Amino acid sequence: MEIDHSDSVEIINKYEPIEEVKGERQMSIEGFARYMFSSECLLFKENCKTVYQDMNHPLSDYFISSSHNTYLISDQILGPSDIWGYVSALVKGCRCLEIDCWDGSQNEPIVYHGYTFTSKLLFKTVVQAINKYAFVTSDYPVVLSLENHCSPGQQEVMASILQSTFGDFLLSDMLEEFPDTLPSPEALKFKILVKNRKVGTLSETHERIGTDKSGQVLEWKEVIYEDGDEDSGMDPETWDVFLSRIKEEKEADPSTLSGIAGVKKRKRKMKIAMALSDLVIYTKAEKFRNFQYSRVYQQFNETNSIGESRARKLSKLRVHEFIFHTAAFITRVYPKMMRADSSNFNPQEFWNVGCQMVALNFQTPGLPMDLQNGKFLDNGGSGYILKPDILRDTTLGFNPNEPEYDDHPVTLTIRIISGIQLPVSSSSNTPDIVVIIEVYGVPNDHVKQQTRVVKNNAFSPKWNETFTFLIQVPELALIRFVVETQQGLLSGNELLGQYTLPVLCMNKVPLPQVIVVFLCFPNPVRTLNLPHCLFMFGTSESDACN
């Protein structure tokens, strides 16, 4: 690709401030700087900063920004609980918040990590904070994922607090247009949804609207499958084998299916206040048993939560079933209990199989949260991103673990030119600077390349190096730019800053290659936030980039 004469003249006329220079169709240093700082040269596409995707699909068709144990701002055992956890998450565009509820003194439900030494918050204080900040960043629905350990009496108090605080923002009845299907984010704008256990049907809930529910308690029953899991002792299942199993299921008696019959099970009962149960509409919490059980019995408004270890095993052994499941039902993946330090897993592996709610500890910086923040920059930072067709259309047989996927590959060429005033710590007297470019997506697309090390120069390091990436599934790919100071083999590298974004949100300009210019002010930051970083680039021709 080449820049033609008319493009050059247009750029000069638009950005050159000196009339004499402009008249000679040239550009001064000041004009060039204005052009480089303009929105035309930013890495992130301008239209991706707005809500541009179709928001009329059912909720299950979207990735939803989700937080784990949102009230915690440090570790999971000793750290404080703080309202700031909710405020910070909502400001970042998070749309699914977790609230662990327990009985408190004086009939006041409290929020904390049960059976630990974390501090406690009043439930009503948490709800008031959410009410204040719920729609500051995004207009789209907020899901309150309740981990409910309260007695029926205090559950009634919770229901009263939710209703009195949120008022009409609280979804307390099914929408007329969606009696038996999940509504869209557009239909649920400015709505708060409660995710909790529920007894009875939506029709029964609708019939009780306006009735007095004080003191009324329902019995919730759950069947827990203790073995017979479909995720143990198996080789990965192929697409053809999966299709044959689906065909057999349709012709068989459900009670005879291997995932339902012949397994050990026990029952658990719990009392739930009717007032709280009836606030659960489209996000009923339902324990995940196995994929076969879900296909036969799971209702459209039931959501599952799966621990990261089991979800990881299923994503390898039952990938087609996993994608089939997430195409129909909202699925949440949460960190394993051993992450007492509030560390995070890599969310990409679960986005690859269509999991809508990949819940992370927002208080912990690092690679997982860099990917989370980068992914949800898309679609105006609304917290909802439409899943690609390959994860919504179950007839395509997409498998992220396959070595190749040749539908819309992208060849991306990046040229790292230079940096200016990179922020280094006072301990780095002779900073040696390196730039790393990483691609995260399906396993075959995961790759890392880096520049040579520029010795003892953080003020104006120059690389002028070019890198090429072939990305097979750009719809799921994120690209991460990292600037580090090389410290040595024993001490490792020091992070100066990073910037992560979806590959398909990269701006396209008429240049023969990608050019990336980091221009950083001398203040240490983790994220090289625009406009503090200036990026220019172009890509090779591809339908996926248009």
Protein backbone atom coordinates (compact mmCIF):
# COMPACT_ATOMS: atom_id res chain seq x y z
CA MET A 1 0.00 0.00 0.00
CA GLU A 2 1.17 3.53 -0.72
CA ILE A 3 0.12 7.01 0.33
CA ASP A 4 -0.94 8.91 -2.78
CA HIS A 5 -0.45 12.62 -3.40
CA SER A 6 -3.99 13.62 -2.42
CA ASP A 7 -3.63 11.88 0.98
CA SER A 8 -0.42 13.79 1.67
CA VAL A 9 -2.00 17.13 0.72
CA GLU A 10 -5.00 16.44 2.93
CA ILE A 11 -2.78 15.66 5.93
CA ILE A 12 -0.71 18.83 5.37
CA ASN A 13 -3.78 21.05 5.01
CA LYS A 14 -5.34 19.59 8.13
CA TYR A 15 -2.39 19.68 10.52
CA GLU A 16 0.23 22.16 9.28
CA PRO A 17 -0.14 25.47 11.25
CA ILE A 18 2.36 27.57 9.25
CA GLU A 19 0.73 28.95 6.11
CA GLU A 20 3.99 29.45 4.21
CA VAL A 21 5.00 25.84 4.75
CA LYS A 22 1.51 24.64 3.94
CA GLY A 23 1.56 26.64 0.69
CA GLU A 24 4.68 24.77 -0.41
CA ARG A 25 2.96 21.48 0.46
CA GLN A 26 5.51 20.69 3.11
CA MET A 27 5.22 19.94 6.80
CA SER A 28 7.09 21.49 9.71
CA ILE A 29 8.11 19.66 12.88
CA GLU A 30 5.14 21.21 14.67
CA GLY A 31 2.74 20.11 11.94
CA PHE A 32 4.13 16.61 11.98
CA ALA A 33 3.80 16.48 15.79
CA ARG A 34 0.16 17.58 15.53
CA TYR A 35 -0.48 14.84 13.01
CA MET A 36 1.24 12.21 15.15
CA PHE A 37 -0.85 13.21 18.18
CA SER A 38 -4.12 13.19 16.23
CA SER A 39 -6.80 10.51 16.45
CA GLU A 40 -5.78 9.31 12.97
CA CYS A 41 -2.54 7.97 14.43
CA LEU A 42 -3.89 6.34 17.56
CA LEU A 43 -3.66 2.58 17.73
CA PHE A 44 -7.24 2.08 18.89
CA LYS A 45 -10.00 2.43 16.28
CA GLU A 46 -12.20 5.44 16.84
CA ASN A 47 -15.47 3.53 16.27
CA CYS A 48 -14.48 0.87 18.84
CA LYS A 49 -14.65 3.62 21.47
CA THR A 50 -18.43 3.68 21.00
CA VAL A 51 -21.11 1.00 21.27
CA TYR A 52 -21.10 -0.15 17.64
CA GLN A 53 -22.07 -3.82 17.96
CA ASP A 54 -25.60 -5.18 17.65
CA MET A 55 -26.94 -5.18 21.22
CA ASN A 56 -30.19 -6.98 20.41
CA HIS A 57 -28.93 -10.55 20.72
CA PRO A 58 -29.81 -12.60 23.84
CA LEU A 59 -27.52 -12.13 26.84
CA SER A 60 -25.87 -15.50 26.26
CA ASP A 61 -24.38 -14.17 23.00
CA TYR A 62 -22.07 -11.73 24.79
CA PHE A 63 -18.85 -11.74 26.75
CA ILE A 64 -19.70 -9.91 30.00
CA SER A 65 -17.08 -8.15 32.12
CA SER A 66 -17.20 -9.97 35.49
CA SER A 67 -15.56 -9.66 38.89
CA HIS A 68 -14.86 -12.27 41.58
CA ASN A 69 -15.41 -11.44 45.28
CA THR A 70 -15.75 -7.82 44.28
CA TYR A 71 -15.80 -6.55 47.88
CA LEU A 72 -12.18 -7.62 48.50
CA ILE A 73 -9.35 -5.21 47.67
CA SER A 74 -6.45 -7.42 48.78
CA ASP A 75 -6.09 -11.15 49.54
CA GLN A 76 -8.90 -13.64 50.22
CA ILE A 77 -8.10 -14.50 53.85
CA LEU A 78 -6.91 -11.49 55.86
CA GLY A 79 -7.47 -8.48 53.62
CA PRO A 80 -10.06 -5.74 54.01
CA SER A 81 -13.48 -5.63 52.40
CA ASP A 82 -14.18 -2.20 50.96
CA ILE A 83 -16.86 -0.36 49.01
CA TRP A 84 -14.06 0.78 46.70
CA GLY A 85 -13.99 -2.73 45.22
CA TYR A 86 -17.47 -2.17 43.77
CA VAL A 87 -16.90 1.44 42.78
CA SER A 88 -13.62 0.65 41.02
CA ALA A 89 -15.07 -2.36 39.16
CA LEU A 90 -18.11 -0.42 37.94
CA VAL A 91 -16.00 2.51 36.78
CA LYS A 92 -13.93 0.02 34.76
CA GLY A 93 -17.10 -1.20 33.05
CA CYS A 94 -17.63 -4.39 35.05
CA ARG A 95 -21.21 -5.69 34.62
CA CYS A 96 -21.27 -8.70 36.97
CA LEU A 97 -20.47 -8.11 40.64
CA GLU A 98 -20.22 -10.73 43.36
CA ILE A 99 -21.72 -10.22 46.82
CA ASP A 100 -21.20 -12.83 49.58
CA CYS A 101 -24.07 -12.38 52.04
CA TRP A 102 -24.20 -13.57 55.65
CA ASP A 103 -26.38 -12.99 58.70
CA GLY A 104 -25.31 -9.93 60.67
CA SER A 105 -26.26 -8.49 64.06
CA GLN A 106 -29.43 -6.47 64.59
CA ASN A 107 -31.04 -8.12 61.56
CA GLU A 108 -28.58 -6.43 59.19
CA PRO A 109 -27.11 -8.73 56.48
CA ILE A 110 -23.36 -8.33 56.02
CA VAL A 111 -20.90 -8.90 53.17
CA TYR A 112 -17.55 -10.64 53.68
CA HIS A 113 -15.60 -13.76 52.72
CA GLY A 114 -17.13 -16.31 55.06
CA TYR A 115 -15.01 -18.22 57.59
CA THR A 116 -12.02 -15.93 57.00
CA PHE A 117 -10.56 -12.87 58.75
CA THR A 118 -11.60 -10.40 56.06
CA SER A 119 -13.47 -7.35 57.35
CA LYS A 120 -17.24 -6.95 57.02
CA LEU A 121 -19.49 -4.51 55.17
CA LEU A 122 -23.20 -3.87 55.59
CA PHE A 123 -25.21 -5.26 52.68
CA LYS A 124 -27.21 -2.04 52.44
CA THR A 125 -23.99 0.00 52.15
CA VAL A 126 -22.82 -2.18 49.27
CA VAL A 127 -26.17 -1.86 47.48
CA GLN A 128 -26.19 1.93 47.94
CA ALA A 129 -22.72 2.20 46.38
CA ILE A 130 -23.74 0.01 43.44
CA ASN A 131 -26.86 2.13 42.93
CA LYS A 132 -24.71 5.27 42.72
CA TYR A 133 -22.15 3.95 40.23
CA ALA A 134 -23.99 1.19 38.32
CA PHE A 135 -24.52 3.16 35.13
CA VAL A 136 -21.74 5.74 35.26
CA THR A 137 -19.62 3.95 32.65
CA SER A 138 -22.18 1.80 30.83
CA ASP A 139 -25.97 1.87 30.30
CA TYR A 140 -26.18 -1.91 30.00
CA PRO A 141 -27.46 -4.27 32.72
CA VAL A 142 -25.59 -5.06 35.91
CA VAL A 143 -25.83 -8.58 37.32
CA LEU A 144 -25.53 -8.99 41.10
CA SER A 145 -24.20 -12.49 41.71
CA LEU A 146 -25.33 -13.29 45.25
CA GLU A 147 -23.55 -15.99 47.21
CA ASN A 148 -26.35 -16.27 49.73
CA HIS A 149 -25.68 -17.73 53.20
CA CYS A 150 -28.39 -15.79 55.02
CA SER A 151 -31.37 -17.08 57.00
CA PRO A 152 -34.84 -16.54 55.48
CA GLY A 153 -35.44 -13.60 57.79
CA GLN A 154 -32.37 -11.72 56.65
CA GLN A 155 -33.02 -12.73 53.05
CA GLU A 156 -36.25 -10.78 53.36
CA VAL A 157 -34.23 -7.81 54.59
CA MET A 158 -31.95 -8.19 51.55
CA ALA A 159 -34.95 -8.20 49.22
CA SER A 160 -36.35 -5.09 50.89
CA ILE A 161 -33.02 -3.27 50.58
CA LEU A 162 -32.70 -4.20 46.90
CA GLN A 163 -36.22 -3.00 46.11
CA SER A 164 -36.11 0.23 48.10
CA THR A 165 -32.63 1.20 46.85
CA PHE A 166 -32.88 0.32 43.16
CA GLY A 167 -36.58 1.00 42.69
CA ASP A 168 -37.58 0.69 39.03
CA PHE A 169 -34.00 -0.13 38.05
CA LEU A 170 -34.41 -3.57 39.67
CA LEU A 171 -35.78 -6.19 37.29
CA SER A 172 -38.48 -7.97 39.32
CA ASP A 173 -40.66 -9.45 36.58
CA MET A 174 -40.12 -11.00 33.16
CA LEU A 175 -40.40 -8.73 30.16
CA GLU A 176 -43.53 -9.28 28.05
CA GLU A 177 -41.49 -9.79 24.89
CA PHE A 178 -39.24 -12.40 26.54
CA PRO A 179 -41.37 -14.94 28.44
CA ASP A 180 -39.23 -17.92 27.42
CA THR A 181 -36.01 -16.52 25.96
CA LEU A 182 -33.19 -14.42 27.32
CA PRO A 183 -33.63 -10.72 26.58
CA SER A 184 -30.91 -8.58 25.02
CA PRO A 185 -28.63 -6.04 26.69
CA GLU A 186 -30.58 -3.37 24.78
CA ALA A 187 -33.89 -4.55 26.26
CA LEU A 188 -32.32 -4.54 29.73
CA LYS A 189 -30.70 -1.11 29.61
CA PHE A 190 -30.44 0.51 33.05
CA LYS A 191 -31.61 -2.67 34.77
CA ILE A 192 -30.18 -4.50 37.79
CA LEU A 193 -30.50 -8.30 37.63
CA VAL A 194 -30.25 -10.56 40.68
CA LYS A 195 -28.43 -13.87 40.27
CA ASN A 196 -29.37 -16.26 43.06
CA ARG A 197 -31.18 -19.52 43.76
CA LYS A 198 -34.84 -19.46 42.77
CA VAL A 199 -37.84 -21.64 43.56
CA GLY A 200 -40.66 -21.95 41.03
CA THR A 201 -41.21 -20.65 37.53
CA LEU A 202 -41.28 -17.16 36.05
CA SER A 203 -45.04 -17.50 35.52
CA GLU A 204 -45.54 -18.23 39.22
CA THR A 205 -43.41 -15.22 40.08
CA HIS A 206 -45.48 -13.05 37.75
CA GLU A 207 -48.73 -14.18 39.38
CA ARG A 208 -47.43 -13.14 42.83
CA ILE A 209 -46.65 -9.55 41.78
CA GLY A 210 -48.14 -7.15 44.32
CA THR A 211 -48.92 -9.81 46.96
CA ASP A 212 -47.64 -9.74 50.53
CA LYS A 213 -44.66 -12.11 50.81
CA SER A 214 -43.68 -11.33 54.41
CA GLY A 215 -42.69 -14.43 56.32
CA GLN A 216 -43.25 -16.73 53.36
CA VAL A 217 -40.46 -19.25 52.93
CA LEU A 218 -39.87 -21.66 50.04
CA GLU A 219 -37.84 -24.87 50.12
CA TRP A 220 -35.13 -25.09 47.50
CA LYS A 221 -33.82 -28.53 46.57
CA GLU A 222 -30.65 -29.44 44.73
CA VAL A 223 -29.40 -32.77 43.44
CA ILE A 224 -25.60 -33.04 43.70
CA TYR A 225 -23.87 -35.56 41.44
CA GLU A 226 -20.89 -37.05 43.24
CA ASP A 227 -19.33 -38.99 40.37
CA GLY A 228 -20.01 -40.02 36.82
CA ASP A 229 -18.52 -36.74 35.57
CA GLU A 230 -18.01 -36.51 31.85
CA ASP A 231 -14.67 -34.77 32.27
CA SER A 232 -12.54 -37.58 33.68
CA GLY A 233 -10.44 -40.28 32.07
CA MET A 234 -11.15 -39.44 28.45
CA ASP A 235 -9.42 -38.38 25.29
CA PRO A 236 -10.59 -35.16 23.62
CA GLU A 237 -13.86 -35.69 21.79
CA THR A 238 -14.01 -35.01 18.04
CA TRP A 239 -16.74 -33.02 16.30
CA ASP A 240 -18.13 -36.12 14.53
CA VAL A 241 -18.34 -38.09 17.77
CA PHE A 242 -20.10 -35.19 19.47
CA LEU A 243 -22.68 -34.92 16.68
CA SER A 244 -23.43 -38.64 16.89
CA ARG A 245 -23.95 -38.35 20.66
CA ILE A 246 -26.39 -35.45 20.16
CA LYS A 247 -28.35 -37.54 17.66
CA GLU A 248 -28.53 -40.48 20.08
CA GLU A 249 -29.73 -38.20 22.90
CA LYS A 250 -32.67 -36.95 20.83
CA GLU A 251 -33.85 -40.50 20.26
CA ALA A 252 -33.26 -41.84 23.79
CA ASP A 253 -35.21 -41.74 27.04
CA PRO A 254 -33.49 -39.04 29.16
CA SER A 255 -33.48 -41.26 32.26
CA THR A 256 -31.30 -43.81 30.47
CA LEU A 257 -28.56 -41.38 29.39
CA SER A 258 -25.13 -42.03 30.89
CA GLY A 259 -24.74 -38.49 32.23
CA ILE A 260 -28.03 -38.72 34.14
CA ALA A 261 -28.60 -42.37 35.06
CA GLY A 262 -26.32 -44.64 37.05
CA VAL A 263 -24.46 -41.97 39.03
CA LYS A 264 -24.28 -41.43 42.75
CA LYS A 265 -26.22 -38.42 43.92
CA ARG A 266 -27.39 -36.75 47.09
CA LYS A 267 -29.95 -34.09 47.80
CA ARG A 268 -29.46 -30.78 49.55
CA LYS A 269 -32.22 -28.53 50.85
CA MET A 270 -32.27 -24.85 51.75
CA LYS A 271 -34.92 -22.39 52.81
CA ILE A 272 -35.28 -19.27 50.67
CA ALA A 273 -37.43 -16.25 51.38
CA MET A 274 -40.08 -15.88 48.69
CA ALA A 275 -39.39 -12.14 48.54
CA LEU A 276 -35.78 -12.76 47.45
CA SER A 277 -36.53 -15.75 45.23
CA ASP A 278 -39.04 -13.70 43.23
CA LEU A 279 -36.39 -11.08 42.41
CA VAL A 280 -34.49 -13.67 40.36
CA ILE A 281 -35.74 -13.53 36.77
CA TYR A 282 -33.31 -14.23 33.92
CA THR A 283 -30.25 -15.20 36.00
CA LYS A 284 -31.26 -18.16 38.15
CA ALA A 285 -28.21 -19.81 39.70
CA GLU A 286 -28.16 -23.52 38.89
CA LYS A 287 -25.38 -25.91 39.86
CA PHE A 288 -23.53 -27.34 36.87
CA ARG A 289 -23.77 -31.14 36.80
CA ASN A 290 -22.61 -32.08 33.32
CA PHE A 291 -23.23 -31.02 29.74
CA GLN A 292 -25.62 -33.83 28.98
CA TYR A 293 -27.82 -32.99 31.95
CA SER A 294 -27.90 -29.33 30.85
CA ARG A 295 -28.94 -30.22 27.31
CA VAL A 296 -31.85 -32.27 28.60
CA TYR A 297 -33.06 -30.33 31.64
CA GLN A 298 -31.55 -26.86 31.92
CA GLN A 299 -33.94 -23.94 31.45
CA PHE A 300 -33.17 -20.85 29.37
CA ASN A 301 -32.90 -18.55 32.41
CA GLU A 302 -30.56 -20.80 34.41
CA THR A 303 -26.89 -19.90 34.70
CA ASN A 304 -23.96 -22.09 35.75
CA SER A 305 -20.80 -21.38 37.70
CA ILE A 306 -17.80 -23.66 37.11
CA GLY A 307 -14.47 -23.55 38.95
CA GLU A 308 -11.41 -22.83 36.84
CA SER A 309 -9.85 -26.30 37.28
CA ARG A 310 -12.90 -28.19 36.09
CA ALA A 311 -13.57 -25.63 33.34
CA ARG A 312 -9.99 -26.02 32.08
CA LYS A 313 -10.32 -29.81 31.93
CA LEU A 314 -13.63 -29.56 30.09
CA SER A 315 -12.22 -27.05 27.62
CA LYS A 316 -9.62 -29.62 26.61
CA LEU A 317 -11.62 -32.86 26.71
CA ARG A 318 -15.11 -31.64 25.80
CA VAL A 319 -14.47 -28.51 23.78
CA HIS A 320 -17.37 -28.99 21.35
CA GLU A 321 -19.82 -29.68 24.16
CA PHE A 322 -18.49 -26.67 26.06
CA ILE A 323 -19.10 -24.33 23.12
CA PHE A 324 -22.52 -25.94 22.52
CA HIS A 325 -23.35 -25.25 26.19
CA THR A 326 -22.15 -21.63 26.26
CA ALA A 327 -24.04 -20.88 23.06
CA ALA A 328 -27.27 -21.56 24.98
CA PHE A 329 -26.58 -20.82 28.65
CA ILE A 330 -24.74 -18.09 30.53
CA THR A 331 -21.67 -19.71 32.08
CA ARG A 332 -19.46 -18.17 34.75
CA VAL A 333 -15.92 -19.35 35.52
CA TYR A 334 -14.37 -18.36 38.85
CA PRO A 335 -10.88 -18.72 40.43
CA LYS A 336 -10.06 -21.84 42.42
CA MET A 337 -10.03 -21.72 46.21
CA MET A 338 -6.24 -22.09 46.37
CA ARG A 339 -5.80 -18.54 45.03
CA ALA A 340 -5.79 -17.09 48.54
CA ASP A 341 -3.45 -14.34 47.34
CA SER A 342 -6.15 -13.14 44.90
CA SER A 343 -4.08 -14.18 41.91
CA ASN A 344 -5.83 -14.74 38.58
CA PHE A 345 -5.91 -17.35 35.82
CA ASN A 346 -5.55 -16.51 32.13
CA PRO A 347 -9.11 -15.62 31.04
CA GLN A 348 -8.37 -16.17 27.35
CA GLU A 349 -8.68 -19.96 27.56
CA PHE A 350 -12.30 -19.62 28.73
CA TRP A 351 -13.24 -16.84 26.31
CA ASN A 352 -12.03 -19.26 23.60
CA VAL A 353 -14.90 -21.64 24.44
CA GLY A 354 -17.52 -18.90 24.77
CA CYS A 355 -17.79 -18.49 28.56
CA GLN A 356 -19.69 -15.27 29.07
CA MET A 357 -18.67 -14.41 32.63
CA VAL A 358 -14.99 -15.03 33.31
CA ALA A 359 -14.71 -13.67 36.84
CA LEU A 360 -11.35 -12.21 37.89
CA ASN A 361 -9.96 -10.57 41.02
CA PHE A 362 -9.99 -6.98 39.78
CA GLN A 363 -7.73 -5.81 42.62
CA THR A 364 -4.73 -7.81 41.37
CA PRO A 365 -2.68 -6.29 38.53
CA GLY A 366 -0.85 -8.54 36.10
CA LEU A 367 -1.25 -10.27 32.76
CA PRO A 368 -4.80 -11.64 33.35
CA MET A 369 -6.18 -8.21 34.25
CA ASP A 370 -4.25 -6.63 31.36
CA LEU A 371 -6.08 -9.02 29.02
CA GLN A 372 -9.39 -8.33 30.76
CA ASN A 373 -8.99 -4.55 30.54
CA GLY A 374 -7.76 -4.74 26.96
CA LYS A 375 -10.60 -6.97 25.75
CA PHE A 376 -13.32 -4.82 27.26
CA LEU A 377 -11.97 -1.61 25.75
CA ASP A 378 -13.99 -2.77 22.76
CA ASN A 379 -17.61 -1.76 22.10
CA GLY A 380 -17.29 1.53 23.92
CA GLY A 381 -16.15 -0.02 27.20
CA SER A 382 -19.77 -1.06 27.75
CA GLY A 383 -18.84 -4.34 29.47
CA TYR A 384 -20.66 -6.34 26.78
CA ILE A 385 -18.91 -7.71 23.69
CA LEU A 386 -20.77 -9.72 21.08
CA LYS A 387 -19.22 -13.16 20.72
CA PRO A 388 -18.02 -14.03 17.20
CA ASP A 389 -20.12 -16.27 14.97
CA ILE A 390 -17.82 -19.22 15.59
CA LEU A 391 -18.95 -19.25 19.25
CA ARG A 392 -22.64 -18.55 18.57
CA ASP A 393 -23.33 -20.82 15.60
CA THR A 394 -22.95 -24.37 16.89
CA THR A 395 -23.16 -25.84 13.38
CA LEU A 396 -19.68 -24.50 12.53
CA GLY A 397 -17.90 -27.03 14.74
CA PHE A 398 -15.27 -24.53 15.85
CA ASN A 399 -12.47 -25.95 17.99
CA PRO A 400 -9.94 -23.45 19.42
CA ASN A 401 -7.53 -26.30 20.13
CA GLU A 402 -7.24 -27.30 16.47
CA PRO A 403 -3.87 -26.35 14.96
CA GLU A 404 -5.36 -24.32 12.10
CA TYR A 405 -8.46 -22.29 11.36
CA ASP A 406 -8.36 -20.63 7.95
CA ASP A 407 -11.59 -18.65 7.73
CA HIS A 408 -10.33 -15.07 8.15
CA PRO A 409 -6.62 -15.07 9.00
CA VAL A 410 -4.81 -11.76 9.42
CA THR A 411 -1.20 -11.02 8.59
CA LEU A 412 -0.07 -8.28 10.91
CA THR A 413 3.25 -6.51 10.44
CA ILE A 414 4.54 -4.23 13.17
CA ARG A 415 7.52 -1.93 13.05
CA ILE A 416 8.93 -0.72 16.36
CA ILE A 417 10.74 2.54 15.71
CA SER A 418 11.63 4.36 18.91
CA GLY A 419 10.60 5.56 22.35
CA ILE A 420 10.79 8.88 24.13
CA GLN A 421 11.33 9.53 27.85
CA LEU A 422 10.42 6.06 29.02
CA PRO A 423 9.57 5.97 32.76
CA VAL A 424 12.27 4.13 34.68
CA SER A 425 12.68 3.65 38.43
CA SER A 426 15.36 5.47 40.39
CA SER A 427 17.19 2.16 40.95
CA SER A 428 17.82 1.79 37.21
CA ASN A 429 20.90 3.96 36.73
CA THR A 430 21.69 2.39 33.38
CA PRO A 431 18.36 1.22 31.97
CA ASP A 432 18.48 -1.36 29.19
CA ILE A 433 15.17 -1.19 27.30
CA VAL A 434 13.35 -3.95 25.43
CA VAL A 435 9.91 -4.02 23.74
CA ILE A 436 7.90 -7.25 23.74
CA ILE A 437 4.88 -7.93 21.51
CA GLU A 438 2.56 -10.76 22.55
CA VAL A 439 -0.53 -12.19 20.87
CA TYR A 440 -3.14 -14.02 22.97
CA GLY A 441 -6.01 -15.96 21.46
CA VAL A 442 -6.49 -19.59 20.45
CA PRO A 443 -3.43 -21.69 21.36
CA ASN A 444 -2.09 -21.67 17.80
CA ASP A 445 -2.09 -17.85 17.76
CA HIS A 446 -0.29 -17.42 21.07
CA VAL A 447 3.15 -16.03 20.21
CA LYS A 448 5.72 -13.59 21.58
CA GLN A 449 8.42 -11.60 19.82
CA GLN A 450 10.76 -8.92 21.13
CA THR A 451 13.23 -6.31 20.02
CA ARG A 452 16.90 -6.27 20.76
CA VAL A 453 17.93 -4.62 24.03
CA VAL A 454 18.91 -0.95 23.78
CA LYS A 455 21.64 -0.38 26.35
CA ASN A 456 21.64 2.53 28.80
CA ASN A 457 19.07 4.71 27.02
CA ALA A 458 15.55 5.30 28.29
CA PHE A 459 15.39 8.86 26.98
CA SER A 460 15.29 8.07 23.27
CA PRO A 461 15.84 4.36 22.55
CA LYS A 462 15.75 3.42 18.84
CA TRP A 463 14.99 -0.05 17.44
CA ASN A 464 13.63 0.25 13.91
CA GLU A 465 12.74 -3.46 13.89
CA THR A 466 9.90 -5.18 12.02
CA PHE A 467 7.83 -8.17 13.17
CA THR A 468 5.19 -10.22 11.36
CA PHE A 469 2.36 -12.24 12.91
CA LEU A 470 -0.05 -14.62 11.19
CA ILE A 471 -3.22 -14.69 13.28
CA GLN A 472 -5.60 -17.52 12.40
CA VAL A 473 -8.56 -16.45 14.58
CA PRO A 474 -8.40 -12.66 14.85
CA GLU A 475 -11.95 -12.54 16.28
CA LEU A 476 -10.57 -13.86 19.58
CA ALA A 477 -7.07 -12.39 19.50
CA LEU A 478 -5.61 -9.72 21.76
CA ILE A 479 -2.28 -8.01 21.17
CA ARG A 480 -0.15 -6.77 24.08
CA PHE A 481 2.74 -4.31 23.86
CA VAL A 482 5.13 -4.44 26.80
CA VAL A 483 8.10 -2.18 27.58
CA GLU A 484 10.59 -3.52 30.13
CA THR A 485 13.95 -2.71 31.62
CA GLN A 486 16.32 -5.67 31.50
CA GLN A 487 17.64 -6.25 35.02
CA GLY A 488 19.62 -9.45 34.64
CA LEU A 489 19.09 -13.20 34.85
CA LEU A 490 18.55 -13.31 38.62
CA SER A 491 16.42 -10.23 39.19
CA GLY A 492 14.32 -10.49 36.01
CA ASN A 493 12.92 -7.59 34.01
CA GLU A 494 11.18 -4.51 35.39
CA LEU A 495 7.87 -3.60 33.78
CA LEU A 496 7.72 -0.01 32.58
CA GLY A 497 4.29 -0.20 30.98
CA GLN A 498 1.97 -2.20 28.77
CA TYR A 499 -0.97 -1.68 26.45
CA THR A 500 -3.40 -4.43 25.40
CA LEU A 501 -6.24 -4.29 22.88
CA PRO A 502 -8.23 -6.58 20.57
CA VAL A 503 -6.50 -7.19 17.24
CA LEU A 504 -9.63 -6.18 15.32
CA CYS A 505 -9.71 -2.85 17.17
CA MET A 506 -6.35 -1.84 15.71
CA ASN A 507 -6.67 1.20 13.49
CA LYS A 508 -5.91 0.86 9.79
CA VAL A 509 -4.06 3.61 7.95
CA PRO A 510 -2.53 3.64 4.45
CA LEU A 511 1.06 2.79 5.38
CA PRO A 512 3.14 -0.01 3.89
CA GLN A 513 3.77 -1.52 7.29
CA VAL A 514 2.71 -1.22 10.88
CA ILE A 515 4.52 1.48 12.78
CA VAL A 516 4.32 1.69 16.51
CA VAL A 517 5.82 4.67 18.31
CA PHE A 518 5.78 4.72 22.11
CA LEU A 519 5.82 8.24 23.52
CA CYS A 520 5.68 8.03 27.30
CA PHE A 521 5.82 10.75 29.90
CA PRO A 522 8.33 10.17 32.73
CA ASN A 523 5.80 8.88 35.27
CA PRO A 524 5.82 5.13 35.96
CA VAL A 525 2.49 3.57 35.01
CA ARG A 526 1.38 0.02 34.36
CA THR A 527 -0.83 0.83 31.41
CA LEU A 528 0.48 3.13 28.70
CA ASN A 529 -2.83 4.94 28.42
CA LEU A 530 -3.74 6.87 25.34
CA PRO A 531 -3.11 9.67 24.60
CA HIS A 532 0.08 9.38 26.70
CA CYS A 533 1.17 6.83 24.13
CA LEU A 534 1.18 7.61 20.48
CA PHE A 535 0.68 4.76 18.02
CA MET A 536 0.79 4.73 14.24
CA PHE A 537 0.26 1.63 12.20
CA GLY A 538 -1.23 -0.07 9.16
CA THR A 539 -1.99 -3.68 8.36
CA SER A 540 -1.86 -5.95 5.39
CA GLU A 541 -5.05 -6.36 3.38
CA SER A 542 -7.60 -8.64 5.05
CA ASP A 543 -11.37 -8.71 5.21
CA ALA A 544 -11.13 -9.11 8.96
CA CYS A 545 -9.39 -5.78 9.37
CA ASN A 546 -11.94 -3.73 7.47
